């Protein structure tokens, strides 16, 4: 993943169109790389609180278990930040 991320973040872009979630996303290489900070940390932990990501973890353990990559970083966990997902201000 890190080699791929290094390659992608060398590109000059201002928009990402993911296969899921709201699209398009107005962000550049630096912002894109932040989505993969968990890889560098060695923990499958995202910046949102654990309460906010519990539904994803349950989906990985349940009905999405057939399609979700089993990471050597362990189950998805949230950080210790504030709870309550909020849409970023644009």
C-alpha atoms as a PDB file:
ATOM      1  CA  UNK A   1       0.000   0.000   0.000  1.00  0.00           C
ATOM      2  CA  UNK A   2       2.782   2.466   0.829  1.00  0.00           C
ATOM      3  CA  UNK A   3       4.433   2.109  -2.601  1.00  0.00           C
ATOM      4  CA  UNK A   4       1.074   2.712  -4.300  1.00  0.00           C
ATOM      5  CA  UNK A   5       0.366   5.701  -2.047  1.00  0.00           C
ATOM      6  CA  UNK A   6       3.790   7.191  -2.780  1.00  0.00           C
ATOM      7  CA  UNK A   7       3.099   6.887  -6.518  1.00  0.00           C
ATOM      8  CA  UNK A   8      -0.420   8.339  -6.387  1.00  0.00           C
ATOM      9  CA  UNK A   9       0.560  11.281  -4.189  1.00  0.00           C
ATOM     10  CA  UNK A  10       3.173  12.357  -6.742  1.00  0.00           C
ATOM     11  CA  UNK A  11       0.380  13.059  -9.217  1.00  0.00           C
ATOM     12  CA  UNK A  12      -0.990  16.587  -9.533  1.00  0.00           C
ATOM     13  CA  UNK A  13      -4.716  16.323  -8.830  1.00  0.00           C
ATOM     14  CA  UNK A  14      -7.432  18.367  -7.149  1.00  0.00           C
ATOM     15  CA  UNK A  15     -10.330  15.903  -7.198  1.00  0.00           C
ATOM     16  CA  UNK A  16     -10.899  12.248  -6.288  1.00  0.00           C
ATOM     17  CA  UNK A  17     -13.882  10.196  -7.407  1.00  0.00           C
ATOM     18  CA  UNK A  18     -14.192   7.174  -5.116  1.00  0.00           C
ATOM     19  CA  UNK A  19     -16.229   4.094  -5.950  1.00  0.00           C
ATOM     20  CA  UNK A  20     -18.293   4.722  -2.810  1.00  0.00           C
ATOM     21  CA  UNK A  21     -19.279   7.590  -0.497  1.00  0.00           C
ATOM     22  CA  UNK A  22     -20.150  11.058  -1.710  1.00  0.00           C
ATOM     23  CA  UNK A  23     -18.337  12.018  -4.890  1.00  0.00           C
ATOM     24  CA  UNK A  24     -16.445  13.842  -6.195  1.00  0.00           C
ATOM     25  CA  UNK A  25     -14.156  14.860  -3.345  1.00  0.00           C
ATOM     26  CA  UNK A  26     -12.206  18.094  -3.755  1.00  0.00           C
ATOM     27  CA  UNK A  27      -8.797  17.203  -2.372  1.00  0.00           C
ATOM     28  CA  UNK A  28      -5.201  17.003  -3.450  1.00  0.00           C
ATOM     29  CA  UNK A  29      -2.364  14.551  -2.851  1.00  0.00           C
ATOM     30  CA  UNK A  30      -1.625  15.626   0.737  1.00  0.00           C
ATOM     31  CA  UNK A  31      -5.258  15.349   1.835  1.00  0.00           C
ATOM     32  CA  UNK A  32      -5.609  12.036  -0.015  1.00  0.00           C
ATOM     33  CA  UNK A  33      -2.564  10.637   1.805  1.00  0.00           C
ATOM     34  CA  UNK A  34      -4.098  11.487   5.193  1.00  0.00           C
ATOM     35  CA  UNK A  35      -6.822   8.910   4.545  1.00  0.00           C
ATOM     36  CA  UNK A  36      -4.082   6.278   4.775  1.00  0.00           C
ATOM     37  CA  UNK A  37      -2.398   7.481   7.977  1.00  0.00           C
ATOM     38  CA  UNK A  38      -3.480   4.254   9.651  1.00  0.00           C
ATOM     39  CA  UNK A  39      -1.085   2.294   7.418  1.00  0.00           C
ATOM     40  CA  UNK A  40       1.888   4.313   8.622  1.00  0.00           C
ATOM     41  CA  UNK A  41       0.836   3.937  12.260  1.00  0.00           C
ATOM     42  CA  UNK A  42       0.669   0.142  12.055  1.00  0.00           C
ATOM     43  CA  UNK A  43      -2.827   0.136  13.594  1.00  0.00           C
ATOM     44  CA  UNK A  44      -6.176  -0.168  11.854  1.00  0.00           C
ATOM     45  CA  UNK A  45      -7.349   2.997  13.590  1.00  0.00           C
ATOM     46  CA  UNK A  46      -9.121   5.915  11.974  1.00  0.00           C
ATOM     47  CA  UNK A  47      -9.367   9.486  13.238  1.00  0.00           C
ATOM     48  CA  UNK A  48     -13.033   9.189  14.234  1.00  0.00           C
ATOM     49  CA  UNK A  49     -14.023   7.903  17.673  1.00  0.00           C
ATOM     50  CA  UNK A  50     -14.633   4.196  18.135  1.00  0.00           C
ATOM     51  CA  UNK A  51     -18.341   4.740  18.701  1.00  0.00           C
ATOM     52  CA  UNK A  52     -18.637   6.334  15.246  1.00  0.00           C
ATOM     53  CA  UNK A  53     -16.886   3.456  13.445  1.00  0.00           C
ATOM     54  CA  UNK A  54     -18.566   0.620  15.342  1.00  0.00           C
ATOM     55  CA  UNK A  55     -21.136   0.159  12.553  1.00  0.00           C
ATOM     56  CA  UNK A  56     -18.311  -0.437  10.043  1.00  0.00           C
ATOM     57  CA  UNK A  57     -16.645  -2.960  12.315  1.00  0.00           C
ATOM     58  CA  UNK A  58     -19.964  -4.797  12.773  1.00  0.00           C
ATOM     59  CA  UNK A  59     -20.491  -4.838   8.998  1.00  0.00           C
ATOM     60  CA  UNK A  60     -16.983  -6.270   8.505  1.00  0.00           C
ATOM     61  CA  UNK A  61     -17.756  -8.988  11.043  1.00  0.00           C
ATOM     62  CA  UNK A  62     -21.231  -9.631   9.613  1.00  0.00           C
ATOM     63  CA  UNK A  63     -22.775  -9.197   6.194  1.00  0.00           C
ATOM     64  CA  UNK A  64     -19.647  -7.713   4.572  1.00  0.00           C
ATOM     65  CA  UNK A  65     -17.304 -10.406   5.870  1.00  0.00           C
ATOM     66  CA  UNK A  66     -17.207 -12.019   2.423  1.00  0.00           C
ATOM     67  CA  UNK A  67     -15.815  -8.905   0.748  1.00  0.00           C
ATOM     68  CA  UNK A  68     -13.722  -7.066   3.317  1.00  0.00           C
ATOM     69  CA  UNK A  69      -9.967  -7.636   3.237  1.00  0.00           C
ATOM     70  CA  UNK A  70      -8.732  -9.197   6.454  1.00  0.00           C
ATOM     71  CA  UNK A  71      -6.005  -6.798   7.517  1.00  0.00           C
ATOM     72  CA  UNK A  72      -2.954  -7.841   9.496  1.00  0.00           C
ATOM     73  CA  UNK A  73      -3.480  -4.526  11.350  1.00  0.00           C
ATOM     74  CA  UNK A  74      -6.454  -6.006  13.212  1.00  0.00           C
ATOM     75  CA  UNK A  75     -10.097  -4.933  13.318  1.00  0.00           C
ATOM     76  CA  UNK A  76     -11.082  -1.388  12.497  1.00  0.00           C
ATOM     77  CA  UNK A  77     -10.970   0.852  15.559  1.00  0.00           C
ATOM     78  CA  UNK A  78     -11.681   4.487  16.147  1.00  0.00           C
ATOM     79  CA  UNK A  79      -9.383   6.898  17.870  1.00  0.00           C
ATOM     80  CA  UNK A  80      -9.830   8.834  21.040  1.00  0.00           C
ATOM     81  CA  UNK A  81     -11.105  11.971  19.311  1.00  0.00           C
ATOM     82  CA  UNK A  82     -14.532  13.548  19.752  1.00  0.00           C
ATOM     83  CA  UNK A  83     -17.575  11.534  18.709  1.00  0.00           C
ATOM     84  CA  UNK A  84     -20.235  12.706  16.316  1.00  0.00           C
ATOM     85  CA  UNK A  85     -19.425  12.568  12.629  1.00  0.00           C
ATOM     86  CA  UNK A  86     -19.659  15.954  10.977  1.00  0.00           C
ATOM     87  CA  UNK A  87     -19.400  16.842   7.293  1.00  0.00           C
ATOM     88  CA  UNK A  88     -16.231  18.902   6.692  1.00  0.00           C
ATOM     89  CA  UNK A  89     -16.764  22.564   5.861  1.00  0.00           C
ATOM     90  CA  UNK A  90     -15.937  23.388   2.253  1.00  0.00           C
END
